[in-house]
Amino acid sequence: GAIRRTSDAQAARDVSAAAREREVVAIVVGLPRSEDGSEGASARRARNFGRRLGEESGLPVHFQDEALTTVEAESSLRETGLSAEKRKGARDAEAAAVILRDHLAGRERSEA
């Protein structure tokens, strides 16, 4: 699902509550980087939110590069045959799923 964000504090509380309900052991936050891999203002906001989320939830927070995740999400959703309007509503959730899959795949590679 998606959480409607009105502020970082509210979003951190809502994500933390959802994490407790689902008994998760860690949280993954997408990290927007520039094409050259540098981190700008958006990445700083993501890192600040991740810190707040870690404090609020008490869980470890991992950051995952989110480059091209929206493009991949849109492509996956287009294959489902959903209308453009329905794809727009599902795109953020699908992009979050891509970020999580990328993070888990990276962990599997590093543990192999």
PDB file of N, CA and C in Angstrom:
ATOM      1  N   GLY A   1       0.808  -1.185   0.000  1.00  0.00           N
ATOM      2  CA  GLY A   1       0.000   0.000   0.000  1.00  0.00           C
ATOM      3  C   GLY A   1       0.854   1.252   0.000  1.00  0.00           C
ATOM      4  N   ALA A   2       0.195   2.358  -0.084  1.00  0.00           N
ATOM      5  CA  ALA A   2       0.879   3.648  -0.099  1.00  0.00           C
ATOM      6  C   ALA A   2       0.416   4.478   1.085  1.00  0.00           C
ATOM      7  N   ILE A   3       1.321   5.298   1.577  1.00  0.00           N
ATOM      8  CA  ILE A   3       1.011   6.212   2.668  1.00  0.00           C
ATOM      9  C   ILE A   3       1.027   7.621   2.105  1.00  0.00           C
ATOM     10  N   ARG A   4      -0.058   8.342   2.309  1.00  0.00           N
ATOM     11  CA  ARG A   4      -0.130   9.729   1.844  1.00  0.00           C
ATOM     12  C   ARG A   4       0.696  10.586   2.795  1.00  0.00           C
ATOM     13  N   ARG A   5       1.653  11.303   2.239  1.00  0.00           N
ATOM     14  CA  ARG A   5       2.609  12.069   3.038  1.00  0.00           C
ATOM     15  C   ARG A   5       2.170  13.525   3.149  1.00  0.00           C
ATOM     16  N   THR A   6       2.022  13.988   4.398  1.00  0.00           N
ATOM     17  CA  THR A   6       1.763  15.403   4.618  1.00  0.00           C
ATOM     18  C   THR A   6       2.980  16.074   5.247  1.00  0.00           C
ATOM     19  N   SER A   7       3.802  15.277   5.943  1.00  0.00           N
ATOM     20  CA  SER A   7       5.051  15.773   6.532  1.00  0.00           C
ATOM     21  C   SER A   7       5.960  14.584   6.795  1.00  0.00           C
ATOM     22  N   ASP A   8       7.236  14.848   6.975  1.00  0.00           N
ATOM     23  CA  ASP A   8       8.163  13.762   7.303  1.00  0.00           C
ATOM     24  C   ASP A   8       7.788  13.104   8.625  1.00  0.00           C
ATOM     25  N   ALA A   9       7.418  13.911   9.621  1.00  0.00           N
ATOM     26  CA  ALA A   9       7.070  13.362  10.937  1.00  0.00           C
ATOM     27  C   ALA A   9       5.869  12.430  10.830  1.00  0.00           C
ATOM     28  N   GLN A  10       4.845  12.875  10.121  1.00  0.00           N
ATOM     29  CA  GLN A  10       3.642  12.047   9.956  1.00  0.00           C
ATOM     30  C   GLN A  10       3.964  10.792   9.171  1.00  0.00           C
ATOM     31  N   ALA A  11       4.724  10.929   8.104  1.00  0.00           N
ATOM     32  CA  ALA A  11       5.071   9.765   7.285  1.00  0.00           C
ATOM     33  C   ALA A  11       5.908   8.769   8.080  1.00  0.00           C
ATOM     34  N   ALA A  12       6.847   9.257   8.881  1.00  0.00           N
ATOM     35  CA  ALA A  12       7.666   8.361   9.699  1.00  0.00           C
ATOM     36  C   ALA A  12       6.797   7.616  10.707  1.00  0.00           C
ATOM     37  N   ARG A  13       5.843   8.296  11.319  1.00  0.00           N
ATOM     38  CA  ARG A  13       4.926   7.628  12.266  1.00  0.00           C
ATOM     39  C   ARG A  13       4.104   6.558  11.559  1.00  0.00           C
ATOM     40  N   ASP A  14       3.557   6.907  10.378  1.00  0.00           N
ATOM     41  CA  ASP A  14       2.705   5.970   9.655  1.00  0.00           C
ATOM     42  C   ASP A  14       3.490   4.761   9.139  1.00  0.00           C
ATOM     43  N   VAL A  15       4.688   5.002   8.617  1.00  0.00           N
ATOM     44  CA  VAL A  15       5.516   3.884   8.135  1.00  0.00           C
ATOM     45  C   VAL A  15       5.923   3.005   9.315  1.00  0.00           C
ATOM     46  N   SER A  16       6.286   3.623  10.429  1.00  0.00           N
ATOM     47  CA  SER A  16       6.671   2.858  11.620  1.00  0.00           C
ATOM     48  C   SER A  16       5.520   1.991  12.109  1.00  0.00           C
ATOM     49  N   ALA A  17       4.320   2.550  12.130  1.00  0.00           N
ATOM     50  CA  ALA A  17       3.145   1.777  12.559  1.00  0.00           C
ATOM     51  C   ALA A  17       2.900   0.605  11.613  1.00  0.00           C
ATOM     52  N   ALA A  18       3.010   0.856  10.317  1.00  0.00           N
ATOM     53  CA  ALA A  18       2.818  -0.221   9.338  1.00  0.00           C
ATOM     54  C   ALA A  18       3.891  -1.296   9.503  1.00  0.00           C
ATOM     55  N   ALA A  19       5.116  -0.870   9.792  1.00  0.00           N
ATOM     56  CA  ALA A  19       6.211  -1.825   9.990  1.00  0.00           C
ATOM     57  C   ALA A  19       5.952  -2.699  11.214  1.00  0.00           C
ATOM     58  N   ARG A  20       5.469  -2.101  12.298  1.00  0.00           N
ATOM     59  CA  ARG A  20       5.158  -2.880  13.505  1.00  0.00           C
ATOM     60  C   ARG A  20       4.048  -3.882  13.220  1.00  0.00           C
ATOM     61  N   GLU A  21       3.000  -3.445  12.522  1.00  0.00           N
ATOM     62  CA  GLU A  21       1.880  -4.338  12.200  1.00  0.00           C
ATOM     63  C   GLU A  21       2.340  -5.546  11.390  1.00  0.00           C
ATOM     64  N   ARG A  22       3.309  -5.315  10.513  1.00  0.00           N
ATOM     65  CA  ARG A  22       3.773  -6.381   9.613  1.00  0.00           C
ATOM     66  C   ARG A  22       5.003  -7.110  10.153  1.00  0.00           C
ATOM     67  N   GLU A  23       5.460  -6.712  11.341  1.00  0.00           N
ATOM     68  CA  GLU A  23       6.607  -7.329  11.998  1.00  0.00           C
ATOM     69  C   GLU A  23       7.846  -7.367  11.104  1.00  0.00           C
ATOM     70  N   VAL A  24       8.120  -6.259  10.417  1.00  0.00           N
ATOM     71  CA  VAL A  24       9.305  -6.188   9.562  1.00  0.00           C
ATOM     72  C   VAL A  24      10.548  -6.038  10.420  1.00  0.00           C
ATOM     73  N   VAL A  25      11.695  -6.393   9.856  1.00  0.00           N
ATOM     74  CA  VAL A  25      12.948  -6.337  10.611  1.00  0.00           C
ATOM     75  C   VAL A  25      13.851  -5.207  10.140  1.00  0.00           C
ATOM     76  N   ALA A  26      13.535  -4.583   9.021  1.00  0.00           N
ATOM     77  CA  ALA A  26      14.322  -3.472   8.500  1.00  0.00           C
ATOM     78  C   ALA A  26      13.480  -2.716   7.488  1.00  0.00           C
ATOM     79  N   ILE A  27      13.889  -1.489   7.208  1.00  0.00           N
ATOM     80  CA  ILE A  27      13.176  -0.636   6.252  1.00  0.00           C
ATOM     81  C   ILE A  27      14.157  -0.210   5.170  1.00  0.00           C
ATOM     82  N   VAL A  28      13.692  -0.199   3.929  1.00  0.00           N
ATOM     83  CA  VAL A  28      14.510   0.236   2.794  1.00  0.00           C
ATOM     84  C   VAL A  28      13.931   1.539   2.264  1.00  0.00           C
ATOM     85  N   VAL A  29      14.803   2.537   2.125  1.00  0.00           N
ATOM     86  CA  VAL A  29      14.407   3.852   1.613  1.00  0.00           C
ATOM     87  C   VAL A  29      15.120   4.068   0.283  1.00  0.00           C
ATOM     88  N   GLY A  30      14.370   4.491  -0.727  1.00  0.00           N
ATOM     89  CA  GLY A  30      14.959   4.811  -2.022  1.00  0.00           C
ATOM     90  C   GLY A  30      15.839   6.036  -1.932  1.00  0.00           C
ATOM     91  N   LEU A  31      16.994   5.966  -2.576  1.00  0.00           N
ATOM     92  CA  LEU A  31      17.957   7.063  -2.546  1.00  0.00           C
ATOM     93  C   LEU A  31      18.126   7.617  -3.954  1.00  0.00           C
ATOM     94  N   PRO A  32      17.575   8.810  -4.209  1.00  0.00           N
ATOM     95  CA  PRO A  32      17.702   9.401  -5.547  1.00  0.00           C
ATOM     96  C   PRO A  32      19.088   9.994  -5.752  1.00  0.00           C
ATOM     97  N   ARG A  33      19.770   9.502  -6.746  1.00  0.00           N
ATOM     98  CA  ARG A  33      21.100  10.012  -7.076  1.00  0.00           C
ATOM     99  C   ARG A  33      21.068  10.596  -8.471  1.00  0.00           C
ATOM    100  N   SER A  34      22.025  11.479  -8.729  1.00  0.00           N
ATOM    101  CA  SER A  34      22.175  12.053 -10.069  1.00  0.00           C
ATOM    102  C   SER A  34      22.744  10.982 -10.996  1.00  0.00           C
ATOM    103  N   GLU A  35      22.689  11.252 -12.295  1.00  0.00           N
ATOM    104  CA  GLU A  35      23.215  10.286 -13.269  1.00  0.00           C
ATOM    105  C   GLU A  35      24.672   9.947 -13.033  1.00  0.00           C
ATOM    106  N   ASP A  36      25.448  10.898 -12.491  1.00  0.00           N
ATOM    107  CA  ASP A  36      26.866  10.642 -12.223  1.00  0.00           C
ATOM    108  C   ASP A  36      27.083   9.963 -10.867  1.00  0.00           C
ATOM    109  N   GLY A  37      25.995   9.633 -10.157  1.00  0.00           N
ATOM    110  CA  GLY A  37      26.095   8.944  -8.880  1.00  0.00           C
ATOM    111  C   GLY A  37      26.205   9.858  -7.674  1.00  0.00           C
ATOM    112  N   SER A  38      26.277  11.169  -7.909  1.00  0.00           N
ATOM    113  CA  SER A  38      26.387  12.103  -6.788  1.00  0.00           C
ATOM    114  C   SER A  38      25.028  12.263  -6.103  1.00  0.00           C
ATOM    115  N   GLU A  39      25.085  12.766  -4.886  1.00  0.00           N
ATOM    116  CA  GLU A  39      23.875  12.974  -4.109  1.00  0.00           C
ATOM    117  C   GLU A  39      23.602  14.465  -3.953  1.00  0.00           C
ATOM    118  N   GLY A  40      22.418  14.863  -4.346  1.00  0.00           N
ATOM    119  CA  GLY A  40      22.022  16.262  -4.247  1.00  0.00           C
ATOM    120  C   GLY A  40      21.002  16.465  -3.142  1.00  0.00           C
ATOM    121  N   ALA A  41      20.195  17.496  -3.295  1.00  0.00           N
ATOM    122  CA  ALA A  41      19.215  17.868  -2.279  1.00  0.00           C
ATOM    123  C   ALA A  41      18.183  16.763  -2.035  1.00  0.00           C
ATOM    124  N   SER A  42      17.734  16.103  -3.091  1.00  0.00           N
ATOM    125  CA  SER A  42      16.741  15.032  -2.921  1.00  0.00           C
ATOM    126  C   SER A  42      17.312  13.874  -2.117  1.00  0.00           C
ATOM    127  N   ALA A  43      18.556  13.530  -2.372  1.00  0.00           N
ATOM    128  CA  ALA A  43      19.202  12.454  -1.620  1.00  0.00           C
ATOM    129  C   ALA A  43      19.371  12.852  -0.155  1.00  0.00           C
ATOM    130  N   ARG A  44      19.727  14.101   0.093  1.00  0.00           N
ATOM    131  CA  ARG A  44      19.854  14.570   1.481  1.00  0.00           C
ATOM    132  C   ARG A  44      18.508  14.473   2.205  1.00  0.00           C
ATOM    133  N   ARG A  45      17.426  14.840   1.510  1.00  0.00           N
ATOM    134  CA  ARG A  45      16.088  14.722   2.115  1.00  0.00           C
ATOM    135  C   ARG A  45      15.764  13.264   2.413  1.00  0.00           C
ATOM    136  N   ALA A  46      16.102  12.359   1.485  1.00  0.00           N
ATOM    137  CA  ALA A  46      15.852  10.935   1.700  1.00  0.00           C
ATOM    138  C   ALA A  46      16.658  10.419   2.888  1.00  0.00           C
ATOM    139  N   ARG A  47      17.920  10.824   2.990  1.00  0.00           N
ATOM    140  CA  ARG A  47      18.752  10.387   4.123  1.00  0.00           C
ATOM    141  C   ARG A  47      18.218  10.948   5.447  1.00  0.00           C
ATOM    142  N   ASN A  48      17.783  12.206   5.449  1.00  0.00           N
ATOM    143  CA  ASN A  48      17.207  12.790   6.665  1.00  0.00           C
ATOM    144  C   ASN A  48      15.927  12.058   7.058  1.00  0.00           C
ATOM    145  N   PHE A  49      15.098  11.749   6.070  1.00  0.00           N
ATOM    146  CA  PHE A  49      13.873  11.000   6.351  1.00  0.00           C
ATOM    147  C   PHE A  49      14.220   9.617   6.884  1.00  0.00           C
ATOM    148  N   GLY A  50      15.206   8.958   6.286  1.00  0.00           N
ATOM    149  CA  GLY A  50      15.620   7.638   6.755  1.00  0.00           C
ATOM    150  C   GLY A  50      16.088   7.671   8.201  1.00  0.00           C
ATOM    151  N   ARG A  51      16.856   8.700   8.556  1.00  0.00           N
ATOM    152  CA  ARG A  51      17.298   8.842   9.951  1.00  0.00           C
ATOM    153  C   ARG A  51      16.089   9.004  10.888  1.00  0.00           C
ATOM    154  N   ARG A  52      15.159   9.857  10.476  1.00  0.00           N
ATOM    155  CA  ARG A  52      13.958  10.069  11.288  1.00  0.00           C
ATOM    156  C   ARG A  52      13.158   8.775  11.405  1.00  0.00           C
ATOM    157  N   LEU A  53      13.051   8.065  10.314  1.00  0.00           N
ATOM    158  CA  LEU A  53      12.311   6.808  10.297  1.00  0.00           C
ATOM    159  C   LEU A  53      12.969   5.775  11.215  1.00  0.00           C
ATOM    160  N   GLY A  54      14.284   5.709  11.197  1.00  0.00           N
ATOM    161  CA  GLY A  54      15.001   4.796  12.084  1.00  0.00           C
ATOM    162  C   GLY A  54      14.765   5.137  13.550  1.00  0.00           C
ATOM    163  N   GLU A  55      14.799   6.421  13.862  1.00  0.00           N
ATOM    164  CA  GLU A  55      14.556   6.857  15.242  1.00  0.00           C
ATOM    165  C   GLU A  55      13.132   6.532  15.676  1.00  0.00           C
ATOM    166  N   GLU A  56      12.179   6.792  14.794  1.00  0.00           N
ATOM    167  CA  GLU A  56      10.763   6.570  15.111  1.00  0.00           C
ATOM    168  C   GLU A  56      10.446   5.079  15.253  1.00  0.00           C
ATOM    169  N   SER A  57      11.010   4.259  14.376  1.00  0.00           N
ATOM    170  CA  SER A  57      10.656   2.836  14.339  1.00  0.00           C
ATOM    171  C   SER A  57      11.559   1.968  15.202  1.00  0.00           C
ATOM    172  N   GLY A  58      12.788   2.418  15.436  1.00  0.00           N
ATOM    173  CA  GLY A  58      13.754   1.578  16.134  1.00  0.00           C
ATOM    174  C   GLY A  58      14.323   0.477  15.250  1.00  0.00           C
ATOM    175  N   LEU A  59      14.050   0.536  13.957  1.00  0.00           N
ATOM    176  CA  LEU A  59      14.519  -0.476  13.012  1.00  0.00           C
ATOM    177  C   LEU A  59      15.705   0.037  12.214  1.00  0.00           C
ATOM    178  N   PRO A  60      16.540  -0.879  11.735  1.00  0.00           N
ATOM    179  CA  PRO A  60      17.604  -0.446  10.830  1.00  0.00           C
ATOM    180  C   PRO A  60      16.995   0.042   9.514  1.00  0.00           C
ATOM    181  N   VAL A  61      17.595   1.080   8.961  1.00  0.00           N
ATOM    182  CA  VAL A  61      17.137   1.639   7.691  1.00  0.00           C
ATOM    183  C   VAL A  61      18.271   1.494   6.686  1.00  0.00           C
ATOM    184  N   HIS A  62      17.959   0.910   5.539  1.00  0.00           N
ATOM    185  CA  HIS A  62      18.925   0.739   4.465  1.00  0.00           C
ATOM    186  C   HIS A  62      18.516   1.644   3.316  1.00  0.00           C
ATOM    187  N   PHE A  63      19.507   2.167   2.618  1.00  0.00           N
ATOM    188  CA  PHE A  63      19.240   3.029   1.468  1.00  0.00           C
ATOM    189  C   PHE A  63      19.568   2.269   0.201  1.00  0.00           C
ATOM    190  N   GLN A  64      18.702   2.400  -0.802  1.00  0.00           N
ATOM    191  CA  GLN A  64      18.882   1.714  -2.071  1.00  0.00           C
ATOM    192  C   GLN A  64      18.759   2.725  -3.206  1.00  0.00           C
ATOM    193  N   ASP A  65      19.736   2.726  -4.083  1.00  0.00           N
ATOM    194  CA  ASP A  65      19.692   3.606  -5.256  1.00  0.00           C
ATOM    195  C   ASP A  65      18.387   3.357  -6.002  1.00  0.00           C
ATOM    196  N   GLU A  66      17.685   4.424  -6.304  1.00  0.00           N
ATOM    197  CA  GLU A  66      16.394   4.268  -6.985  1.00  0.00           C
ATOM    198  C   GLU A  66      16.430   4.671  -8.456  1.00  0.00           C
ATOM    199  N   ALA A  67      17.630   4.741  -9.016  1.00  0.00           N
ATOM    200  CA  ALA A  67      17.769   5.134 -10.425  1.00  0.00           C
ATOM    201  C   ALA A  67      16.934   4.227 -11.327  1.00  0.00           C
ATOM    202  N   LEU A  68      16.163   4.843 -12.176  1.00  0.00           N
ATOM    203  CA  LEU A  68      15.350   4.186 -13.209  1.00  0.00           C
ATOM    204  C   LEU A  68      14.228   3.312 -12.663  1.00  0.00           C
ATOM    205  N   THR A  69      13.948   3.372 -11.359  1.00  0.00           N
ATOM    206  CA  THR A  69      12.886   2.518 -10.830  1.00  0.00           C
ATOM    207  C   THR A  69      11.512   2.924 -11.349  1.00  0.00           C
ATOM    208  N   THR A  70      11.271   4.219 -11.541  1.00  0.00           N
ATOM    209  CA  THR A  70       9.973   4.645 -12.070  1.00  0.00           C
ATOM    210  C   THR A  70       9.803   4.170 -13.500  1.00  0.00           C
ATOM    211  N   VAL A  71      10.873   4.205 -14.275  1.00  0.00           N
ATOM    212  CA  VAL A  71      10.818   3.724 -15.657  1.00  0.00           C
ATOM    213  C   VAL A  71      10.517   2.227 -15.672  1.00  0.00           C
ATOM    214  N   GLU A  72      11.207   1.478 -14.814  1.00  0.00           N
ATOM    215  CA  GLU A  72      10.973   0.029 -14.741  1.00  0.00           C
ATOM    216  C   GLU A  72       9.560  -0.270 -14.260  1.00  0.00           C
ATOM    217  N   ALA A  73       9.090   0.491 -13.284  1.00  0.00           N
ATOM    218  CA  ALA A  73       7.736   0.292 -12.768  1.00  0.00           C
ATOM    219  C   ALA A  73       6.704   0.563 -13.860  1.00  0.00           C
ATOM    220  N   GLU A  74       6.870   1.649 -14.588  1.00  0.00           N
ATOM    221  CA  GLU A  74       5.932   1.985 -15.662  1.00  0.00           C
ATOM    222  C   GLU A  74       5.919   0.895 -16.725  1.00  0.00           C
ATOM    223  N   SER A  75       7.086   0.386 -17.061  1.00  0.00           N
ATOM    224  CA  SER A  75       7.181  -0.676 -18.055  1.00  0.00           C
ATOM    225  C   SER A  75       6.449  -1.939 -17.584  1.00  0.00           C
ATOM    226  N   SER A  76       6.674  -2.310 -16.331  1.00  0.00           N
ATOM    227  CA  SER A  76       6.000  -3.493 -15.782  1.00  0.00           C
ATOM    228  C   SER A  76       4.494  -3.319 -15.769  1.00  0.00           C
ATOM    229  N   LEU A  77       4.046  -2.134 -15.373  1.00  0.00           N
ATOM    230  CA  LEU A  77       2.608  -1.888 -15.312  1.00  0.00           C
ATOM    231  C   LEU A  77       1.981  -1.841 -16.699  1.00  0.00           C
ATOM    232  N   ARG A  78       2.708  -1.320 -17.667  1.00  0.00           N
ATOM    233  CA  ARG A  78       2.196  -1.266 -19.034  1.00  0.00           C
ATOM    234  C   ARG A  78       1.922  -2.689 -19.545  1.00  0.00           C
ATOM    235  N   GLU A  79       2.789  -3.621 -19.162  1.00  0.00           N
ATOM    236  CA  GLU A  79       2.631  -5.022 -19.584  1.00  0.00           C
ATOM    237  C   GLU A  79       1.367  -5.662 -19.019  1.00  0.00           C
ATOM    238  N   THR A  80       0.854  -5.121 -17.908  1.00  0.00           N
ATOM    239  CA  THR A  80      -0.347  -5.688 -17.299  1.00  0.00           C
ATOM    240  C   THR A  80      -1.613  -5.306 -18.053  1.00  0.00           C
ATOM    241  N   GLY A  81      -1.501  -4.286 -18.907  1.00  0.00           N
ATOM    242  CA  GLY A  81      -2.666  -3.837 -19.656  1.00  0.00           C
ATOM    243  C   GLY A  81      -3.514  -2.821 -18.927  1.00  0.00           C
ATOM    244  N   LEU A  82      -3.047  -2.323 -17.791  1.00  0.00           N
ATOM    245  CA  LEU A  82      -3.790  -1.305 -17.060  1.00  0.00           C
ATOM    246  C   LEU A  82      -3.880  -0.021 -17.883  1.00  0.00           C
ATOM    247  N   SER A  83      -4.953   0.712 -17.678  1.00  0.00           N
ATOM    248  CA  SER A  83      -5.098   2.009 -18.345  1.00  0.00           C
ATOM    249  C   SER A  83      -4.053   2.970 -17.799  1.00  0.00           C
ATOM    250  N   ALA A  84      -3.785   4.034 -18.553  1.00  0.00           N
ATOM    251  CA  ALA A  84      -2.792   5.029 -18.135  1.00  0.00           C
ATOM    252  C   ALA A  84      -3.167   5.622 -16.782  1.00  0.00           C
ATOM    253  N   GLU A  85      -4.451   5.869 -16.550  1.00  0.00           N
ATOM    254  CA  GLU A  85      -4.892   6.449 -15.280  1.00  0.00           C
ATOM    255  C   GLU A  85      -4.632   5.501 -14.114  1.00  0.00           C
ATOM    256  N   LYS A  86      -4.942   4.227 -14.292  1.00  0.00           N
ATOM    257  CA  LYS A  86      -4.704   3.252 -13.224  1.00  0.00           C
ATOM    258  C   LYS A  86      -3.210   3.012 -13.020  1.00  0.00           C
ATOM    259  N   ARG A  87      -2.436   3.059 -14.103  1.00  0.00           N
ATOM    260  CA  ARG A  87      -0.976   2.901 -13.968  1.00  0.00           C
ATOM    261  C   ARG A  87      -0.392   4.030 -13.137  1.00  0.00           C
ATOM    262  N   LYS A  88      -0.892   5.247 -13.349  1.00  0.00           N
ATOM    263  CA  LYS A  88      -0.376   6.395 -12.599  1.00  0.00           C
ATOM    264  C   LYS A  88      -0.554   6.174 -11.107  1.00  0.00           C
ATOM    265  N   GLY A  89      -1.697   5.669 -10.703  1.00  0.00           N
ATOM    266  CA  GLY A  89      -1.960   5.419  -9.288  1.00  0.00           C
ATOM    267  C   GLY A  89      -1.121   4.300  -8.708  1.00  0.00           C
ATOM    268  N   ALA A  90      -0.738   3.344  -9.517  1.00  0.00           N
ATOM    269  CA  ALA A  90       0.025   2.186  -9.047  1.00  0.00           C
ATOM    270  C   ALA A  90       1.530   2.355  -9.207  1.00  0.00           C
ATOM    271  N   ARG A  91       1.959   3.388  -9.928  1.00  0.00           N
ATOM    272  CA  ARG A  91       3.383   3.540 -10.271  1.00  0.00           C
ATOM    273  C   ARG A  91       4.285   3.665  -9.046  1.00  0.00           C
ATOM    274  N   ASP A  92       3.896   4.480  -8.060  1.00  0.00           N
ATOM    275  CA  ASP A  92       4.745   4.659  -6.877  1.00  0.00           C
ATOM    276  C   ASP A  92       4.889   3.360  -6.091  1.00  0.00           C
ATOM    277  N   ALA A  93       3.798   2.634  -5.934  1.00  0.00           N
ATOM    278  CA  ALA A  93       3.864   1.355  -5.211  1.00  0.00           C
ATOM    279  C   ALA A  93       4.735   0.359  -5.964  1.00  0.00           C
ATOM    280  N   GLU A  94       4.609   0.322  -7.277  1.00  0.00           N
ATOM    281  CA  GLU A  94       5.424  -0.590  -8.077  1.00  0.00           C
ATOM    282  C   GLU A  94       6.895  -0.182  -8.030  1.00  0.00           C
ATOM    283  N   ALA A  95       7.169   1.118  -8.074  1.00  0.00           N
ATOM    284  CA  ALA A  95       8.559   1.586  -7.974  1.00  0.00           C
ATOM    285  C   ALA A  95       9.149   1.214  -6.617  1.00  0.00           C
ATOM    286  N   ALA A  96       8.351   1.299  -5.559  1.00  0.00           N
ATOM    287  CA  ALA A  96       8.825   0.889  -4.232  1.00  0.00           C
ATOM    288  C   ALA A  96       9.147  -0.599  -4.217  1.00  0.00           C
ATOM    289  N   ALA A  97       8.321  -1.388  -4.893  1.00  0.00           N
ATOM    290  CA  ALA A  97       8.585  -2.831  -4.978  1.00  0.00           C
ATOM    291  C   ALA A  97       9.885  -3.098  -5.736  1.00  0.00           C
ATOM    292  N   VAL A  98      10.148  -2.334  -6.783  1.00  0.00           N
ATOM    293  CA  VAL A  98      11.396  -2.478  -7.540  1.00  0.00           C
ATOM    294  C   VAL A  98      12.587  -2.148  -6.645  1.00  0.00           C
ATOM    295  N   ILE A  99      12.487  -1.078  -5.865  1.00  0.00           N
ATOM    296  CA  ILE A  99      13.571  -0.692  -4.946  1.00  0.00           C
ATOM    297  C   ILE A  99      13.836  -1.815  -3.956  1.00  0.00           C
ATOM    298  N   LEU A 100      12.789  -2.398  -3.398  1.00  0.00           N
ATOM    299  CA  LEU A 100      12.956  -3.498  -2.443  1.00  0.00           C
ATOM    300  C   LEU A 100      13.577  -4.718  -3.115  1.00  0.00           C
ATOM    301  N   ARG A 101      13.094  -5.073  -4.306  1.00  0.00           N
ATOM    302  CA  ARG A 101      13.685  -6.231  -5.026  1.00  0.00           C
ATOM    303  C   ARG A 101      15.159  -5.994  -5.317  1.00  0.00           C
ATOM    304  N   ASP A 102      15.502  -4.779  -5.750  1.00  0.00           N
ATOM    305  CA  ASP A 102      16.908  -4.456  -6.026  1.00  0.00           C
ATOM    306  C   ASP A 102      17.752  -4.584  -4.761  1.00  0.00           C
ATOM    307  N   HIS A 103      17.225  -4.104  -3.643  1.00  0.00           N
ATOM    308  CA  HIS A 103      17.957  -4.191  -2.375  1.00  0.00           C
ATOM    309  C   HIS A 103      18.177  -5.651  -1.983  1.00  0.00           C
ATOM    310  N   LEU A 104      17.128  -6.450  -2.059  1.00  0.00           N
ATOM    311  CA  LEU A 104      17.250  -7.860  -1.682  1.00  0.00           C
ATOM    312  C   LEU A 104      18.185  -8.619  -2.616  1.00  0.00           C
ATOM    313  N   ALA A 105      18.124  -8.301  -3.899  1.00  0.00           N
ATOM    314  CA  ALA A 105      19.022  -8.961  -4.863  1.00  0.00           C
ATOM    315  C   ALA A 105      20.465  -8.594  -4.569  1.00  0.00           C
ATOM    316  N   GLY A 106      20.720  -7.343  -4.206  1.00  0.00           N
ATOM    317  CA  GLY A 106      22.071  -6.921  -3.858  1.00  0.00           C
ATOM    318  C   GLY A 106      22.578  -7.638  -2.614  1.00  0.00           C
ATOM    319  N   ARG A 107      21.718  -7.850  -1.643  1.00  0.00           N
ATOM    320  CA  ARG A 107      22.103  -8.578  -0.424  1.00  0.00           C
ATOM    321  C   ARG A 107      22.434 -10.022  -0.757  1.00  0.00           C
ATOM    322  N   GLU A 108      21.608 -10.639  -1.608  1.00  0.00           N
ATOM    323  CA  GLU A 108      21.865 -12.039  -1.983  1.00  0.00           C
ATOM    324  C   GLU A 108      23.203 -12.171  -2.679  1.00  0.00           C
ATOM    325  N   ARG A 109      23.526 -11.222  -3.572  1.00  0.00           N
ATOM    326  CA  ARG A 109      24.814 -11.271  -4.276  1.00  0.00           C
ATOM    327  C   ARG A 109      25.979 -11.119  -3.307  1.00  0.00           C
ATOM    328  N   SER A 110      25.818 -10.236  -2.313  1.00  0.00           N
ATOM    329  CA  SER A 110      26.927  -9.994  -1.377  1.00  0.00           C
ATOM    330  C   SER A 110      27.103 -11.158  -0.395  1.00  0.00           C
ATOM    331  N   GLU A 111      26.034 -11.923  -0.170  1.00  0.00           N
ATOM    332  CA  GLU A 111      26.120 -13.060   0.745  1.00  0.00           C
ATOM    333  C   GLU A 111      26.584 -14.330   0.044  1.00  0.00           C
ATOM    334  N   ALA A 112      26.567 -14.326  -1.273  1.00  0.00           N
ATOM    335  CA  ALA A 112      26.959 -15.536  -2.039  1.00  0.00           C
ATOM    336  C   ALA A 112      28.455 -15.704  -2.092  1.00  0.00           C
TER     337      ALA A 112
END
